[in-house]
């Protein structure tokens, strides 16, 4: 919480001039800021990778000190991907490159402020879309 003291003085144009002066305080209260910079550390996984293989880790930041961030999936591409308790995105079902070379995963981060806020993308949606969790063929 920040506080500012303001002093105002008003002078008229009379002769002799008269003036009045007063002081007042302004207190600025902090409000909850939304999380920012939702990112996925890696976007690729091999098509033959076993189930529970970690694709990457979600991360975000929040200007408010002490905020706890939680991650969730809004779209898990038909259950093909899931999150662990720390924001690790992992392969939950088998993937096949020939069927789908690109998988769409929509992630959301929410803080524990009052009120709780979620990250928004540039289109003012409540979600950030990661359009390239790619699977590729093993060349071995």
Protein backbone atom coordinates (compact mmCIF):
# COMPACT_ATOMS: atom_id res chain seq x y z
CA UNK A 1 0.00 0.00 0.00
CA UNK A 2 1.41 3.35 -1.03
CA UNK A 3 0.37 6.67 0.45
CA UNK A 4 0.88 10.15 -0.98
CA UNK A 5 0.44 13.49 0.72
CA UNK A 6 -0.76 16.33 -1.53
CA UNK A 7 -0.76 20.01 -0.62
CA UNK A 8 -2.98 22.36 -2.65
CA UNK A 9 -2.89 26.16 -2.47
CA UNK A 10 -5.32 28.46 -4.22
CA UNK A 11 -4.66 32.20 -4.64
CA UNK A 12 -7.17 34.74 -5.96
CA UNK A 13 -6.34 37.77 -8.09
CA UNK A 14 -7.72 40.35 -5.63
CA UNK A 15 -5.82 43.16 -4.04
CA UNK A 16 -4.62 42.21 -1.60
CA UNK A 17 -4.67 38.59 -2.77
CA UNK A 18 -6.22 35.98 -0.53
CA UNK A 19 -5.24 32.32 -0.40
CA UNK A 20 -6.26 29.06 1.13
CA UNK A 21 -4.14 25.97 1.55
CA UNK A 22 -5.08 22.40 2.44
CA UNK A 23 -3.44 18.98 2.50
CA UNK A 24 -4.92 15.58 1.85
CA UNK A 25 -3.64 12.01 1.61
CA UNK A 26 -4.15 9.55 -1.21
CA UNK A 27 -3.70 5.87 -0.45
CA UNK A 28 -3.11 3.50 -3.35
CA UNK A 29 -4.24 -0.08 -2.67
CA UNK A 30 -2.80 -2.97 -4.66
CA UNK A 31 -5.22 -5.22 -6.55
CA UNK A 32 -4.66 -8.70 -7.94
CA UNK A 33 -2.87 -8.77 -11.31
CA UNK A 34 -3.46 -11.59 -13.78
CA UNK A 35 -0.73 -14.15 -14.48
CA UNK A 36 1.44 -13.43 -17.51
CA UNK A 37 3.71 -15.13 -20.02
CA UNK A 38 2.15 -18.59 -20.15
CA UNK A 39 4.71 -20.75 -21.94
CA UNK A 40 5.36 -24.40 -22.78
CA UNK A 41 9.05 -25.39 -22.64
CA UNK A 42 8.87 -27.93 -25.49
CA UNK A 43 6.40 -28.59 -28.31
CA UNK A 44 7.52 -31.95 -29.70
CA UNK A 45 7.18 -35.62 -28.84
CA UNK A 46 7.94 -38.70 -30.95
CA UNK A 47 4.93 -40.66 -32.14
CA UNK A 48 6.22 -43.88 -30.56
CA UNK A 49 7.08 -42.30 -27.21
CA UNK A 50 5.54 -44.30 -24.36
CA UNK A 51 2.51 -43.04 -22.49
CA UNK A 52 3.35 -40.61 -19.65
CA UNK A 53 6.29 -39.19 -21.61
CA UNK A 54 6.68 -35.54 -20.61
CA UNK A 55 6.38 -33.24 -23.62
CA UNK A 56 7.26 -30.01 -21.78
CA UNK A 57 6.54 -27.92 -18.73
CA UNK A 58 4.10 -25.04 -18.47
CA UNK A 59 5.34 -21.91 -16.75
CA UNK A 60 3.98 -18.43 -16.11
CA UNK A 61 4.72 -15.40 -13.94
CA UNK A 62 2.65 -13.13 -11.74
CA UNK A 63 3.53 -9.60 -10.55
CA UNK A 64 1.85 -10.25 -7.19
CA UNK A 65 4.30 -11.67 -4.67
CA UNK A 66 3.36 -14.96 -3.06
CA UNK A 67 0.80 -15.96 -5.68
CA UNK A 68 0.32 -19.67 -6.28
CA UNK A 69 -0.29 -20.48 -9.94
CA UNK A 70 -2.26 -23.52 -11.08
CA UNK A 71 -2.36 -24.92 -14.60
CA UNK A 72 -5.19 -26.71 -16.38
CA UNK A 73 -6.01 -27.90 -19.86
CA UNK A 74 -9.06 -26.46 -21.55
CA UNK A 75 -8.50 -28.68 -24.60
CA UNK A 76 -6.39 -31.85 -24.30
CA UNK A 77 -6.81 -32.91 -27.96
CA UNK A 78 -9.28 -35.67 -27.23
CA UNK A 79 -7.47 -36.85 -24.11
CA UNK A 80 -4.13 -37.35 -25.90
CA UNK A 81 -2.37 -35.03 -23.42
CA UNK A 82 -2.69 -34.33 -19.70
CA UNK A 83 -1.01 -32.29 -16.95
CA UNK A 84 0.73 -33.42 -13.80
CA UNK A 85 0.43 -31.47 -10.55
CA UNK A 86 3.45 -29.29 -11.39
CA UNK A 87 2.32 -28.22 -14.87
CA UNK A 88 4.15 -30.92 -16.82
CA UNK A 89 2.37 -31.71 -20.09
CA UNK A 90 2.58 -35.42 -20.83
CA UNK A 91 1.36 -37.88 -23.43
CA UNK A 92 -1.77 -39.60 -22.09
CA UNK A 93 -2.83 -41.57 -25.20
CA UNK A 94 -0.98 -42.95 -28.19
CA UNK A 95 -0.32 -40.65 -31.13
CA UNK A 96 0.12 -41.52 -34.79
CA UNK A 97 1.98 -39.16 -37.12
CA UNK A 98 0.19 -40.47 -40.21
CA UNK A 99 -3.20 -39.72 -38.63
CA UNK A 100 -2.31 -36.35 -37.14
CA UNK A 101 1.06 -34.61 -37.32
CA UNK A 102 -0.08 -31.67 -35.20
CA UNK A 103 -2.07 -31.74 -31.96
CA UNK A 104 -3.87 -28.77 -30.43
CA UNK A 105 -3.62 -28.21 -26.70
CA UNK A 106 -5.18 -25.23 -24.93
CA UNK A 107 -3.70 -24.42 -21.53
CA UNK A 108 -4.85 -22.02 -18.83
CA UNK A 109 -3.04 -20.59 -15.79
CA UNK A 110 -4.96 -19.23 -12.78
CA UNK A 111 -3.62 -17.40 -9.73
CA UNK A 112 -4.95 -17.65 -6.18
CA UNK A 113 -5.61 -13.93 -5.74
CA UNK A 114 -8.90 -12.32 -4.77
CA UNK A 115 -10.54 -12.51 -7.20
CA UNK A 116 -8.63 -15.34 -8.90
CA UNK A 117 -7.52 -14.29 -12.39
CA UNK A 118 -6.49 -16.25 -15.51
CA UNK A 119 -4.10 -15.37 -18.28
CA UNK A 120 -5.60 -13.97 -21.49
CA UNK A 121 -4.19 -14.08 -24.99
CA UNK A 122 -3.98 -11.10 -27.31
CA UNK A 123 -7.55 -11.73 -28.54
CA UNK A 124 -8.84 -11.19 -24.99
CA UNK A 125 -9.72 -14.87 -24.60
CA UNK A 126 -9.15 -16.58 -21.27
CA UNK A 127 -6.85 -19.15 -22.82
CA UNK A 128 -3.55 -19.41 -24.63
CA UNK A 129 -3.44 -21.96 -27.43
CA UNK A 130 -0.34 -24.01 -28.22
CA UNK A 131 -0.93 -25.08 -31.81
CA UNK A 132 2.10 -27.31 -32.27
CA UNK A 133 2.56 -30.26 -29.99
CA UNK A 134 4.02 -32.17 -32.91
CA UNK A 135 4.72 -35.85 -33.20
CA UNK A 136 7.26 -37.05 -35.71
CA UNK A 137 8.44 -40.39 -37.06
CA UNK A 138 11.45 -42.09 -35.54
CA UNK A 139 14.15 -42.44 -38.18
CA UNK A 140 15.92 -45.36 -36.47
